[in-house]
PDB file of N, CA and C in Angstrom:
ATOM      1  N   VAL A   1      98.707 101.651 118.583  1.00  0.00           N
ATOM      2  CA  VAL A   1      99.282 102.674 117.585  1.00  0.00           C
ATOM      3  C   VAL A   1      98.689 104.240 118.107  1.00  0.00           C
ATOM      4  N   ALA A   2      97.283 104.128 118.388  1.00  0.00           N
ATOM      5  CA  ALA A   2      96.679 105.753 118.635  1.00  0.00           C
ATOM      6  C   ALA A   2      97.381 106.138 120.179  1.00  0.00           C
ATOM      7  N   THR A   3      98.107 105.538 120.911  1.00  0.00           N
ATOM      8  CA  THR A   3      98.537 105.861 122.251  1.00  0.00           C
ATOM      9  C   THR A   3      99.842 106.388 121.844  1.00  0.00           C
ATOM     10  N   ALA A   4     100.520 105.740 120.758  1.00  0.00           N
ATOM     11  CA  ALA A   4     102.010 106.436 120.533  1.00  0.00           C
ATOM     12  C   ALA A   4     101.780 107.777 119.636  1.00  0.00           C
ATOM     13  N   GLY A   5     100.568 108.237 119.030  1.00  0.00           N
ATOM     14  CA  GLY A   5     100.394 109.244 117.980  1.00  0.00           C
ATOM     15  C   GLY A   5     100.745 110.725 118.781  1.00  0.00           C
ATOM     16  N   PRO A   6     100.435 111.039 120.008  1.00  0.00           N
ATOM     17  CA  PRO A   6     100.829 112.181 120.260  1.00  0.00           C
ATOM     18  C   PRO A   6     102.501 112.576 120.466  1.00  0.00           C
ATOM     19  N   LEU A   7     103.176 111.556 121.133  1.00  0.00           N
ATOM     20  CA  LEU A   7     104.432 111.498 121.290  1.00  0.00           C
ATOM     21  C   LEU A   7     105.083 111.594 119.852  1.00  0.00           C
ATOM     22  N   PHE A   8     104.905 110.640 118.764  1.00  0.00           N
ATOM     23  CA  PHE A   8     104.853 110.742 117.467  1.00  0.00           C
ATOM     24  C   PHE A   8     104.831 112.021 116.905  1.00  0.00           C
ATOM     25  N   GLU A   9     103.588 112.820 117.008  1.00  0.00           N
ATOM     26  CA  GLU A   9     103.358 113.953 116.548  1.00  0.00           C
ATOM     27  C   GLU A   9     104.470 114.949 117.074  1.00  0.00           C
ATOM     28  N   ARG A  10     104.804 115.232 117.860  1.00  0.00           N
ATOM     29  CA  ARG A  10     105.835 115.956 118.687  1.00  0.00           C
ATOM     30  C   ARG A  10     107.382 115.637 118.021  1.00  0.00           C
ATOM     31  N   LEU A  11     107.641 114.333 117.845  1.00  0.00           N
ATOM     32  CA  LEU A  11     108.840 114.034 117.241  1.00  0.00           C
ATOM     33  C   LEU A  11     108.861 114.296 115.736  1.00  0.00           C
ATOM     34  N   ALA A  12     107.651 114.007 115.147  1.00  0.00           N
ATOM     35  CA  ALA A  12     107.709 114.828 113.866  1.00  0.00           C
ATOM     36  C   ALA A  12     107.559 116.098 113.361  1.00  0.00           C
ATOM     37  N   ALA A  13     107.398 116.916 114.354  1.00  0.00           N
ATOM     38  CA  ALA A  13     107.204 118.309 114.176  1.00  0.00           C
ATOM     39  C   ALA A  13     108.725 118.869 113.558  1.00  0.00           C
ATOM     40  N   ASN A  14     109.860 118.200 114.190  1.00  0.00           N
ATOM     41  CA  ASN A  14     111.048 118.552 113.718  1.00  0.00           C
ATOM     42  C   ASN A  14     111.543 117.390 112.765  1.00  0.00           C
ATOM     43  N   PRO A  15     111.647 117.708 111.349  1.00  0.00           N
ATOM     44  CA  PRO A  15     112.170 116.622 110.703  1.00  0.00           C
ATOM     45  C   PRO A  15     113.447 115.802 111.099  1.00  0.00           C
ATOM     46  N   TYR A  16     114.646 116.682 111.631  1.00  0.00           N
ATOM     47  CA  TYR A  16     115.947 116.177 112.359  1.00  0.00           C
ATOM     48  C   TYR A  16     115.458 115.199 113.314  1.00  0.00           C
ATOM     49  N   ALA A  17     114.628 115.992 114.358  1.00  0.00           N
ATOM     50  CA  ALA A  17     114.521 114.667 115.406  1.00  0.00           C
ATOM     51  C   ALA A  17     114.007 113.709 114.951  1.00  0.00           C
ATOM     52  N   PHE A  18     113.029 113.759 114.177  1.00  0.00           N
ATOM     53  CA  PHE A  18     112.125 113.081 113.820  1.00  0.00           C
ATOM     54  C   PHE A  18     113.029 111.571 112.746  1.00  0.00           C
ATOM     55  N   VAL A  19     114.051 111.782 112.204  1.00  0.00           N
ATOM     56  CA  VAL A  19     115.045 110.931 111.453  1.00  0.00           C
ATOM     57  C   VAL A  19     116.159 110.430 112.357  1.00  0.00           C
ATOM     58  N   ILE A  20     116.535 111.574 113.160  1.00  0.00           N
ATOM     59  CA  ILE A  20     117.369 110.964 114.228  1.00  0.00           C
ATOM     60  C   ILE A  20     117.090 109.869 115.306  1.00  0.00           C
ATOM     61  N   GLY A  21     115.645 110.504 115.810  1.00  0.00           N
ATOM     62  CA  GLY A  21     114.906 109.495 116.459  1.00  0.00           C
ATOM     63  C   GLY A  21     114.614 108.283 116.179  1.00  0.00           C
ATOM     64  N   ILE A  22     114.344 108.177 114.893  1.00  0.00           N
ATOM     65  CA  ILE A  22     113.873 106.631 114.430  1.00  0.00           C
ATOM     66  C   ILE A  22     115.125 105.938 114.360  1.00  0.00           C
ATOM     67  N   GLY A  23     116.340 107.037 114.054  1.00  0.00           N
ATOM     68  CA  GLY A  23     117.541 105.684 113.820  1.00  0.00           C
ATOM     69  C   GLY A  23     118.115 105.648 115.158  1.00  0.00           C
ATOM     70  N   VAL A  24     117.991 106.560 116.031  1.00  0.00           N
ATOM     71  CA  VAL A  24     118.485 106.092 117.408  1.00  0.00           C
ATOM     72  C   VAL A  24     117.600 104.653 118.094  1.00  0.00           C
ATOM     73  N   SER A  25     116.429 104.994 117.976  1.00  0.00           N
ATOM     74  CA  SER A  25     115.389 103.956 118.479  1.00  0.00           C
ATOM     75  C   SER A  25     115.536 102.746 117.945  1.00  0.00           C
ATOM     76  N   THR A  26     115.907 102.667 116.568  1.00  0.00           N
ATOM     77  CA  THR A  26     116.392 101.335 115.739  1.00  0.00           C
ATOM     78  C   THR A  26     117.689 100.863 116.408  1.00  0.00           C
ATOM     79  N   ILE A  27     118.395 101.447 116.845  1.00  0.00           N
ATOM     80  CA  ILE A  27     119.721 101.196 117.046  1.00  0.00           C
ATOM     81  C   ILE A  27     119.656 100.526 118.694  1.00  0.00           C
ATOM     82  N   LEU A  28     118.955 101.184 119.341  1.00  0.00           N
ATOM     83  CA  LEU A  28     118.676 100.520 120.613  1.00  0.00           C
ATOM     84  C   LEU A  28     117.882  99.489 120.696  1.00  0.00           C
ATOM     85  N   LEU A  29     116.524  99.718 120.284  1.00  0.00           N
ATOM     86  CA  LEU A  29     115.873  98.274 120.020  1.00  0.00           C
ATOM     87  C   LEU A  29     116.401  96.854 119.091  1.00  0.00           C
ATOM     88  N   ARG A  30     117.330  97.159 118.692  1.00  0.00           N
ATOM     89  CA  ARG A  30     118.202  95.842 117.907  1.00  0.00           C
ATOM     90  C   ARG A  30     118.641  94.979 119.205  1.00  0.00           C
ATOM     91  N   PHE A  31     119.032  95.683 120.207  1.00  0.00           N
ATOM     92  CA  PHE A  31     119.617  95.010 121.485  1.00  0.00           C
ATOM     93  C   PHE A  31     118.404  93.900 122.049  1.00  0.00           C
ATOM     94  N   LEU A  32     117.130  94.274 121.604  1.00  0.00           N
ATOM     95  CA  LEU A  32     116.265  93.522 122.009  1.00  0.00           C
ATOM     96  C   LEU A  32     115.545  92.393 120.969  1.00  0.00           C
ATOM     97  N   ILE A  33     115.376  93.112 120.143  1.00  0.00           N
ATOM     98  CA  ILE A  33     114.753  92.539 119.015  1.00  0.00           C
ATOM     99  C   ILE A  33     115.973  91.812 117.844  1.00  0.00           C
ATOM    100  N   VAL A  34     116.338  90.679 118.115  1.00  0.00           N
ATOM    101  CA  VAL A  34     117.479  90.240 117.438  1.00  0.00           C
ATOM    102  C   VAL A  34     117.368  90.076 116.174  1.00  0.00           C
ATOM    103  N   SER A  35     116.213  89.586 115.537  1.00  0.00           N
ATOM    104  CA  SER A  35     116.189  89.422 113.914  1.00  0.00           C
ATOM    105  C   SER A  35     115.694  90.337 113.182  1.00  0.00           C
ATOM    106  N   GLU A  36     116.773  90.991 112.277  1.00  0.00           N
ATOM    107  CA  GLU A  36     116.707  92.024 111.613  1.00  0.00           C
ATOM    108  C   GLU A  36     115.238  92.060 110.699  1.00  0.00           C
ATOM    109  N   MET A  37     114.763  90.979 110.145  1.00  0.00           N
ATOM    110  CA  MET A  37     113.624  90.833 109.150  1.00  0.00           C
ATOM    111  C   MET A  37     112.509  90.994 110.122  1.00  0.00           C
ATOM    112  N   ALA A  38     112.616  90.584 111.316  1.00  0.00           N
ATOM    113  CA  ALA A  38     111.295  90.585 112.671  1.00  0.00           C
ATOM    114  C   ALA A  38     111.298  91.898 113.001  1.00  0.00           C
ATOM    115  N   TYR A  39     112.360  92.675 113.226  1.00  0.00           N
ATOM    116  CA  TYR A  39     112.428  93.988 113.512  1.00  0.00           C
ATOM    117  C   TYR A  39     111.903  94.819 112.282  1.00  0.00           C
ATOM    118  N   LEU A  40     112.427  94.792 111.233  1.00  0.00           N
ATOM    119  CA  LEU A  40     111.864  95.424 109.910  1.00  0.00           C
ATOM    120  C   LEU A  40     110.104  95.608 109.905  1.00  0.00           C
ATOM    121  N   ASN A  41     109.755  94.272 110.145  1.00  0.00           N
ATOM    122  CA  ASN A  41     108.283  94.036 109.718  1.00  0.00           C
ATOM    123  C   ASN A  41     107.625  94.531 110.762  1.00  0.00           C
ATOM    124  N   ILE A  42     107.888  94.400 112.350  1.00  0.00           N
ATOM    125  CA  ILE A  42     107.225  95.401 113.321  1.00  0.00           C
ATOM    126  C   ILE A  42     107.032  96.509 113.436  1.00  0.00           C
ATOM    127  N   VAL A  43     108.364  97.158 113.236  1.00  0.00           N
ATOM    128  CA  VAL A  43     108.711  98.643 113.213  1.00  0.00           C
ATOM    129  C   VAL A  43     107.882  99.143 112.129  1.00  0.00           C
ATOM    130  N   MET A  44     108.179  98.806 111.012  1.00  0.00           N
ATOM    131  CA  MET A  44     107.358  99.260 109.674  1.00  0.00           C
ATOM    132  C   MET A  44     105.758  99.086 109.663  1.00  0.00           C
ATOM    133  N   ALA A  45     105.502  98.201 110.226  1.00  0.00           N
ATOM    134  CA  ALA A  45     103.948  97.974 110.291  1.00  0.00           C
ATOM    135  C   ALA A  45     103.609  98.850 111.485  1.00  0.00           C
ATOM    136  N   PHE A  46     104.265  99.421 112.332  1.00  0.00           N
ATOM    137  CA  PHE A  46     103.993 100.128 113.637  1.00  0.00           C
ATOM    138  C   PHE A  46     104.139 101.762 112.949  1.00  0.00           C
ATOM    139  N   LEU A  47     105.245 102.004 112.391  1.00  0.00           N
ATOM    140  CA  LEU A  47     105.505 103.459 112.232  1.00  0.00           C
ATOM    141  C   LEU A  47     104.888 104.138 110.777  1.00  0.00           C
ATOM    142  N   ILE A  48     104.511 103.116 109.602  1.00  0.00           N
ATOM    143  CA  ILE A  48     104.152 103.656 108.422  1.00  0.00           C
ATOM    144  C   ILE A  48     102.768 104.330 108.490  1.00  0.00           C
ATOM    145  N   PRO A  49     101.897 103.442 109.069  1.00  0.00           N
ATOM    146  CA  PRO A  49     100.508 104.340 109.498  1.00  0.00           C
ATOM    147  C   PRO A  49     100.867 105.655 110.291  1.00  0.00           C
ATOM    148  N   LEU A  50     101.577 105.523 111.221  1.00  0.00           N
ATOM    149  CA  LEU A  50     101.835 107.058 111.926  1.00  0.00           C
ATOM    150  C   LEU A  50     102.314 108.261 111.062  1.00  0.00           C
ATOM    151  N   SER A  51     103.369 107.808 110.419  1.00  0.00           N
ATOM    152  CA  SER A  51     103.876 108.527 109.511  1.00  0.00           C
ATOM    153  C   SER A  51     103.327 109.257 108.450  1.00  0.00           C
ATOM    154  N   MET A  52     102.241 108.446 107.845  1.00  0.00           N
ATOM    155  CA  MET A  52     101.285 108.787 106.848  1.00  0.00           C
ATOM    156  C   MET A  52     100.325 109.969 107.373  1.00  0.00           C
ATOM    157  N   GLN A  53      99.884 109.427 108.762  1.00  0.00           N
ATOM    158  CA  GLN A  53      98.929 110.382 109.464  1.00  0.00           C
ATOM    159  C   GLN A  53      99.671 111.824 109.423  1.00  0.00           C
ATOM    160  N   MET A  54     100.862 111.935 109.725  1.00  0.00           N
ATOM    161  CA  MET A  54     101.583 113.216 109.800  1.00  0.00           C
ATOM    162  C   MET A  54     102.146 113.847 108.733  1.00  0.00           C
ATOM    163  N   GLY A  55     101.560 113.048 107.394  1.00  0.00           N
ATOM    164  CA  GLY A  55     102.271 113.458 106.204  1.00  0.00           C
ATOM    165  C   GLY A  55     103.620 113.364 105.732  1.00  0.00           C
ATOM    166  N   ILE A  56     103.993 112.542 106.525  1.00  0.00           N
ATOM    167  CA  ILE A  56     105.579 112.234 106.279  1.00  0.00           C
ATOM    168  C   ILE A  56     105.586 110.711 105.230  1.00  0.00           C
ATOM    169  N   SER A  57     106.330 110.754 104.354  1.00  0.00           N
ATOM    170  CA  SER A  57     106.539 109.745 103.316  1.00  0.00           C
ATOM    171  C   SER A  57     107.017 108.510 104.145  1.00  0.00           C
ATOM    172  N   PRO A  58     106.403 107.409 103.730  1.00  0.00           N
ATOM    173  CA  PRO A  58     106.871 105.935 104.377  1.00  0.00           C
ATOM    174  C   PRO A  58     108.057 105.605 104.058  1.00  0.00           C
ATOM    175  N   TRP A  59     108.651 106.400 102.613  1.00  0.00           N
ATOM    176  CA  TRP A  59     109.958 106.193 102.389  1.00  0.00           C
ATOM    177  C   TRP A  59     110.864 106.715 103.180  1.00  0.00           C
ATOM    178  N   VAL A  60     110.792 107.617 103.951  1.00  0.00           N
ATOM    179  CA  VAL A  60     111.508 108.185 104.760  1.00  0.00           C
ATOM    180  C   VAL A  60     111.858 107.410 106.124  1.00  0.00           C
ATOM    181  N   VAL A  61     110.832 106.762 106.541  1.00  0.00           N
ATOM    182  CA  VAL A  61     110.733 105.891 107.630  1.00  0.00           C
ATOM    183  C   VAL A  61     111.544 104.516 107.391  1.00  0.00           C
ATOM    184  N   GLY A  62     111.066 104.412 106.144  1.00  0.00           N
ATOM    185  CA  GLY A  62     111.835 102.874 105.743  1.00  0.00           C
ATOM    186  C   GLY A  62     113.478 102.991 105.530  1.00  0.00           C
ATOM    187  N   PHE A  63     113.976 104.213 104.667  1.00  0.00           N
ATOM    188  CA  PHE A  63     115.209 104.519 104.733  1.00  0.00           C
ATOM    189  C   PHE A  63     115.956 104.893 106.014  1.00  0.00           C
ATOM    190  N   ALA A  64     115.244 105.318 107.202  1.00  0.00           N
ATOM    191  CA  ALA A  64     116.041 105.509 108.462  1.00  0.00           C
ATOM    192  C   ALA A  64     115.895 104.243 109.227  1.00  0.00           C
ATOM    193  N   VAL A  65     114.967 103.506 109.078  1.00  0.00           N
ATOM    194  CA  VAL A  65     115.231 102.021 109.681  1.00  0.00           C
ATOM    195  C   VAL A  65     116.035 101.263 109.093  1.00  0.00           C
ATOM    196  N   TYR A  66     116.245 101.547 108.052  1.00  0.00           N
ATOM    197  CA  TYR A  66     117.005 100.282 107.183  1.00  0.00           C
ATOM    198  C   TYR A  66     118.703 100.721 107.332  1.00  0.00           C
ATOM    199  N   ALA A  67     118.753 102.033 106.952  1.00  0.00           N
ATOM    200  CA  ALA A  67     120.129 102.492 107.319  1.00  0.00           C
ATOM    201  C   ALA A  67     121.040 102.165 108.880  1.00  0.00           C
ATOM    202  N   THR A  68     120.038 101.935 109.793  1.00  0.00           N
ATOM    203  CA  THR A  68     120.628 101.647 111.046  1.00  0.00           C
ATOM    204  C   THR A  68     120.071 100.570 111.786  1.00  0.00           C
ATOM    205  N   VAL A  69     119.619  99.500 110.965  1.00  0.00           N
ATOM    206  CA  VAL A  69     119.344  98.139 111.388  1.00  0.00           C
ATOM    207  C   VAL A  69     120.433  97.273 111.679  1.00  0.00           C
ATOM    208  N   HIS A  70     121.500  97.591 111.194  1.00  0.00           N
ATOM    209  CA  HIS A  70     122.584  96.567 110.918  1.00  0.00           C
ATOM    210  C   HIS A  70     123.908  96.911 111.916  1.00  0.00           C
ATOM    211  N   PRO A  71     123.318  96.945 113.234  1.00  0.00           N
ATOM    212  CA  PRO A  71     124.687  97.203 114.246  1.00  0.00           C
ATOM    213  C   PRO A  71     125.374  95.962 114.283  1.00  0.00           C
ATOM    214  N   TRP A  72     126.666  96.101 115.260  1.00  0.00           N
ATOM    215  CA  TRP A  72     127.218  94.613 115.507  1.00  0.00           C
ATOM    216  C   TRP A  72     127.939  94.973 117.029  1.00  0.00           C
ATOM    217  N   PHE A  73     127.040  95.822 117.839  1.00  0.00           N
ATOM    218  CA  PHE A  73     127.884  96.042 119.075  1.00  0.00           C
ATOM    219  C   PHE A  73     127.738  94.741 120.022  1.00  0.00           C
ATOM    220  N   ALA A  74     126.930  93.727 119.601  1.00  0.00           N
ATOM    221  CA  ALA A  74     126.850  92.317 120.321  1.00  0.00           C
ATOM    222  C   ALA A  74     127.025  91.433 119.158  1.00  0.00           C
ATOM    223  N   LEU A  75     127.897  90.483 119.350  1.00  0.00           N
ATOM    224  CA  LEU A  75     127.892  89.374 118.276  1.00  0.00           C
ATOM    225  C   LEU A  75     126.679  89.092 117.630  1.00  0.00           C
ATOM    226  N   TYR A  76     125.569  88.725 118.549  1.00  0.00           N
ATOM    227  CA  TYR A  76     124.356  88.371 118.057  1.00  0.00           C
ATOM    228  C   TYR A  76     123.654  89.309 117.201  1.00  0.00           C
ATOM    229  N   GLN A  77     123.908  90.359 117.036  1.00  0.00           N
ATOM    230  CA  GLN A  77     122.926  91.401 116.224  1.00  0.00           C
ATOM    231  C   GLN A  77     123.001  91.535 114.869  1.00  0.00           C
ATOM    232  N   ASN A  78     124.185  90.700 114.399  1.00  0.00           N
ATOM    233  CA  ASN A  78     124.221  91.056 113.084  1.00  0.00           C
ATOM    234  C   ASN A  78     124.635  89.623 112.057  1.00  0.00           C
ATOM    235  N   PRO A  79     124.041  89.075 111.657  1.00  0.00           N
ATOM    236  CA  PRO A  79     124.394  87.565 110.936  1.00  0.00           C
ATOM    237  C   PRO A  79     125.193  87.643 110.228  1.00  0.00           C
ATOM    238  N   VAL A  80     125.819  88.774 109.417  1.00  0.00           N
ATOM    239  CA  VAL A  80     126.647  88.990 108.230  1.00  0.00           C
ATOM    240  C   VAL A  80     127.891  89.187 109.033  1.00  0.00           C
ATOM    241  N   TYR A  81     127.801  90.061 110.062  1.00  0.00           N
ATOM    242  CA  TYR A  81     129.063  90.049 110.960  1.00  0.00           C
ATOM    243  C   TYR A  81     129.380  88.765 111.558  1.00  0.00           C
ATOM    244  N   LEU A  82     128.604  88.129 112.388  1.00  0.00           N
ATOM    245  CA  LEU A  82     128.523  86.945 112.987  1.00  0.00           C
ATOM    246  C   LEU A  82     129.457  85.874 111.971  1.00  0.00           C
ATOM    247  N   ALA A  83     128.828  85.782 110.648  1.00  0.00           N
ATOM    248  CA  ALA A  83     129.542  84.799 109.737  1.00  0.00           C
ATOM    249  C   ALA A  83     130.997  85.223 109.430  1.00  0.00           C
ATOM    250  N   ALA A  84     131.245  86.680 109.371  1.00  0.00           N
ATOM    251  CA  ALA A  84     132.463  87.141 109.066  1.00  0.00           C
ATOM    252  C   ALA A  84     133.591  86.723 110.032  1.00  0.00           C
ATOM    253  N   TYR A  85     132.946  86.809 111.254  1.00  0.00           N
ATOM    254  CA  TYR A  85     133.848  86.824 112.346  1.00  0.00           C
ATOM    255  C   TYR A  85     134.147  85.259 112.592  1.00  0.00           C
ATOM    256  N   TYR A  86     133.120  84.312 112.366  1.00  0.00           N
ATOM    257  CA  TYR A  86     133.618  82.930 112.840  1.00  0.00           C
ATOM    258  C   TYR A  86     133.993  82.470 111.863  1.00  0.00           C
ATOM    259  N   SER A  87     134.328  82.947 110.369  1.00  0.00           N
ATOM    260  CA  SER A  87     134.884  82.201 109.299  1.00  0.00           C
ATOM    261  C   SER A  87     136.191  82.470 109.676  1.00  0.00           C
ATOM    262  N   VAL A  88     137.004  83.618 110.380  1.00  0.00           N
ATOM    263  CA  VAL A  88     138.206  83.392 110.470  1.00  0.00           C
ATOM    264  C   VAL A  88     138.698  83.035 112.099  1.00  0.00           C
ATOM    265  N   ASP A  89     137.475  82.197 112.596  1.00  0.00           N
ATOM    266  CA  ASP A  89     137.707  81.769 113.828  1.00  0.00           C
ATOM    267  C   ASP A  89     137.805  82.857 114.790  1.00  0.00           C
ATOM    268  N   GLY A  90     137.618  83.907 114.439  1.00  0.00           N
ATOM    269  CA  GLY A  90     137.862  85.066 115.364  1.00  0.00           C
ATOM    270  C   GLY A  90     139.406  85.614 115.911  1.00  0.00           C
ATOM    271  N   GLN A  91     140.035  85.034 114.936  1.00  0.00           N
ATOM    272  CA  GLN A  91     141.790  85.177 115.085  1.00  0.00           C
ATOM    273  C   GLN A  91     142.053  86.659 114.358  1.00  0.00           C
ATOM    274  N   MET A  92     141.552  87.371 113.387  1.00  0.00           N
ATOM    275  CA  MET A  92     141.982  88.144 112.744  1.00  0.00           C
ATOM    276  C   MET A  92     141.747  89.553 113.169  1.00  0.00           C
ATOM    277  N   ALA A  93     140.647  89.572 114.387  1.00  0.00           N
ATOM    278  CA  ALA A  93     140.275  90.901 114.886  1.00  0.00           C
ATOM    279  C   ALA A  93     139.712  90.466 116.361  1.00  0.00           C
ATOM    280  N   ARG A  94     139.545  91.401 117.239  1.00  0.00           N
ATOM    281  CA  ARG A  94     138.831  91.045 118.556  1.00  0.00           C
ATOM    282  C   ARG A  94     137.714  91.958 118.385  1.00  0.00           C
ATOM    283  N   HIS A  95     136.383  91.206 118.935  1.00  0.00           N
ATOM    284  CA  HIS A  95     135.314  91.717 118.947  1.00  0.00           C
ATOM    285  C   HIS A  95     135.177  93.171 119.183  1.00  0.00           C
ATOM    286  N   SER A  96     135.936  93.401 120.579  1.00  0.00           N
ATOM    287  CA  SER A  96     135.786  94.587 121.371  1.00  0.00           C
ATOM    288  C   SER A  96     136.284  95.715 120.314  1.00  0.00           C
ATOM    289  N   SER A  97     137.461  95.424 119.716  1.00  0.00           N
ATOM    290  CA  SER A  97     137.912  96.508 118.588  1.00  0.00           C
ATOM    291  C   SER A  97     136.944  97.210 117.393  1.00  0.00           C
ATOM    292  N   LEU A  98     136.449  95.840 117.050  1.00  0.00           N
ATOM    293  CA  LEU A  98     135.486  95.946 115.806  1.00  0.00           C
ATOM    294  C   LEU A  98     134.279  96.712 116.043  1.00  0.00           C
ATOM    295  N   ALA A  99     133.688  96.538 117.697  1.00  0.00           N
ATOM    296  CA  ALA A  99     132.688  97.097 118.164  1.00  0.00           C
ATOM    297  C   ALA A  99     132.881  98.811 118.025  1.00  0.00           C
ATOM    298  N   ALA A 100     133.969  99.048 118.305  1.00  0.00           N
ATOM    299  CA  ALA A 100     134.025 100.519 118.239  1.00  0.00           C
ATOM    300  C   ALA A 100     134.165 100.921 116.823  1.00  0.00           C
ATOM    301  N   TYR A 101     134.136 100.390 115.601  1.00  0.00           N
ATOM    302  CA  TYR A 101     133.973 100.574 114.437  1.00  0.00           C
ATOM    303  C   TYR A 101     132.418 100.660 114.237  1.00  0.00           C
ATOM    304  N   CYS A 102     131.697  99.672 115.135  1.00  0.00           N
ATOM    305  CA  CYS A 102     130.279  99.987 114.867  1.00  0.00           C
ATOM    306  C   CYS A 102     129.896 101.211 115.327  1.00  0.00           C
ATOM    307  N   ALA A 103     130.245 101.771 116.239  1.00  0.00           N
ATOM    308  CA  ALA A 103     129.811 103.016 116.815  1.00  0.00           C
ATOM    309  C   ALA A 103     130.088 104.261 115.883  1.00  0.00           C
ATOM    310  N   LEU A 104     131.348 104.188 115.307  1.00  0.00           N
ATOM    311  CA  LEU A 104     131.692 104.942 114.293  1.00  0.00           C
ATOM    312  C   LEU A 104     130.681 104.831 113.209  1.00  0.00           C
ATOM    313  N   TYR A 105     130.304 103.646 112.557  1.00  0.00           N
ATOM    314  CA  TYR A 105     129.503 103.573 111.591  1.00  0.00           C
ATOM    315  C   TYR A 105     128.107 104.037 111.719  1.00  0.00           C
ATOM    316  N   MET A 106     127.453 103.685 113.185  1.00  0.00           N
ATOM    317  CA  MET A 106     126.414 104.123 113.278  1.00  0.00           C
ATOM    318  C   MET A 106     126.406 105.782 113.464  1.00  0.00           C
ATOM    319  N   LEU A 107     127.230 106.481 113.761  1.00  0.00           N
ATOM    320  CA  LEU A 107     127.231 107.760 113.881  1.00  0.00           C
ATOM    321  C   LEU A 107     127.469 108.383 112.490  1.00  0.00           C
ATOM    322  N   THR A 108     128.208 107.487 111.580  1.00  0.00           N
ATOM    323  CA  THR A 108     128.173 108.207 110.170  1.00  0.00           C
ATOM    324  C   THR A 108     126.817 107.790 109.758  1.00  0.00           C
ATOM    325  N   CYS A 109     125.818 106.858 109.917  1.00  0.00           N
ATOM    326  CA  CYS A 109     124.837 106.425 109.163  1.00  0.00           C
ATOM    327  C   CYS A 109     123.889 107.759 109.868  1.00  0.00           C
ATOM    328  N   LEU A 110     123.767 107.842 111.145  1.00  0.00           N
ATOM    329  CA  LEU A 110     122.950 109.123 111.991  1.00  0.00           C
ATOM    330  C   LEU A 110     123.149 110.581 111.105  1.00  0.00           C
ATOM    331  N   ALA A 111     124.537 110.655 111.154  1.00  0.00           N
ATOM    332  CA  ALA A 111     124.951 112.038 110.120  1.00  0.00           C
ATOM    333  C   ALA A 111     124.249 111.992 109.138  1.00  0.00           C
ATOM    334  N   GLY A 112     124.607 110.876 107.839  1.00  0.00           N
ATOM    335  CA  GLY A 112     124.066 110.796 106.683  1.00  0.00           C
ATOM    336  C   GLY A 112     122.708 111.045 106.713  1.00  0.00           C
ATOM    337  N   LEU A 113     121.655 110.498 107.813  1.00  0.00           N
ATOM    338  CA  LEU A 113     120.501 110.933 107.562  1.00  0.00           C
ATOM    339  C   LEU A 113     120.106 112.041 107.806  1.00  0.00           C
ATOM    340  N   ALA A 114     120.605 112.890 108.892  1.00  0.00           N
ATOM    341  CA  ALA A 114     120.651 114.260 108.925  1.00  0.00           C
ATOM    342  C   ALA A 114     120.926 115.074 107.754  1.00  0.00           C
ATOM    343  N   ALA A 115     121.943 114.764 107.019  1.00  0.00           N
ATOM    344  CA  ALA A 115     122.183 115.493 105.901  1.00  0.00           C
ATOM    345  C   ALA A 115     121.278 115.378 104.932  1.00  0.00           C
ATOM    346  N   CYS A 116     120.513 114.225 104.774  1.00  0.00           N
ATOM    347  CA  CYS A 116     119.607 113.977 103.722  1.00  0.00           C
ATOM    348  C   CYS A 116     118.236 114.817 103.942  1.00  0.00           C
ATOM    349  N   VAL A 117     117.907 115.220 105.336  1.00  0.00           N
ATOM    350  CA  VAL A 117     116.835 115.938 105.502  1.00  0.00           C
ATOM    351  C   VAL A 117     116.490 117.141 104.730  1.00  0.00           C
ATOM    352  N   PRO A 118     117.398 118.171 104.622  1.00  0.00           N
ATOM    353  CA  PRO A 118     117.054 119.253 103.437  1.00  0.00           C
ATOM    354  C   PRO A 118     116.463 118.770 102.373  1.00  0.00           C
ATOM    355  N   TYR A 119     117.397 117.934 101.603  1.00  0.00           N
ATOM    356  CA  TYR A 119     117.034 117.311  99.876  1.00  0.00           C
ATOM    357  C   TYR A 119     115.540 116.706 100.285  1.00  0.00           C
ATOM    358  N   TRP A 120     115.146 115.777 101.348  1.00  0.00           N
ATOM    359  CA  TRP A 120     113.857 115.324 101.572  1.00  0.00           C
ATOM    360  C   TRP A 120     112.900 116.328 101.376  1.00  0.00           C
ATOM    361  N   GLN A 121     113.121 117.385 102.478  1.00  0.00           N
ATOM    362  CA  GLN A 121     112.155 118.606 102.436  1.00  0.00           C
ATOM    363  C   GLN A 121     112.006 119.218 101.236  1.00  0.00           C
ATOM    364  N   PHE A 122     113.108 119.277 100.125  1.00  0.00           N
ATOM    365  CA  PHE A 122     113.024 119.864  99.186  1.00  0.00           C
ATOM    366  C   PHE A 122     112.093 118.943  98.125  1.00  0.00           C
ATOM    367  N   LEU A 123     112.461 117.287  98.322  1.00  0.00           N
ATOM    368  CA  LEU A 123     111.442 116.788  97.699  1.00  0.00           C
ATOM    369  C   LEU A 123     109.751 116.673  97.921  1.00  0.00           C
ATOM    370  N   GLY A 124     109.702 117.194  99.200  1.00  0.00           N
ATOM    371  CA  GLY A 124     107.988 117.102  99.729  1.00  0.00           C
ATOM    372  C   GLY A 124     108.008 115.754 100.525  1.00  0.00           C
ATOM    373  N   LEU A 125     108.896 115.336 101.016  1.00  0.00           N
ATOM    374  CA  LEU A 125     108.714 113.879 101.438  1.00  0.00           C
ATOM    375  C   LEU A 125     108.251 114.095 103.120  1.00  0.00           C
ATOM    376  N   PHE A 126     108.482 115.393 103.616  1.00  0.00           N
ATOM    377  CA  PHE A 126     107.864 115.981 104.825  1.00  0.00           C
ATOM    378  C   PHE A 126     106.625 116.761 105.081  1.00  0.00           C
ATOM    379  N   GLY A 127     105.566 116.246 103.827  1.00  0.00           N
ATOM    380  CA  GLY A 127     104.537 117.137 103.946  1.00  0.00           C
ATOM    381  C   GLY A 127     104.761 118.660 103.874  1.00  0.00           C
TER     382      GLY A 127
END
């Protein structure tokens, strides 16, 4: 945690970069950490102490992580999507076309996170 502090400080200097950075890193790391629950536990245990040191509410970190933890670019990433896909034997839609909607969903999530920043600043969640 101490090693990541300086990098985290630079990212936390800009609330927009901070929130979008958490969202993008969550999307990318979900290709490596398959379990959503494991990802949430690992990342929150790492980021909450850092965010509190920077004066950022842990709620902001949790919201940004949870908003972007559900991608389905690959079949294995989202168990709910996987169950829905195989409940119809993959015949109602092709995964390749549905993955495009995942990109749209993730961009919408990131835009929503960026749109929340002024309100969160008003509430004092960014110290």
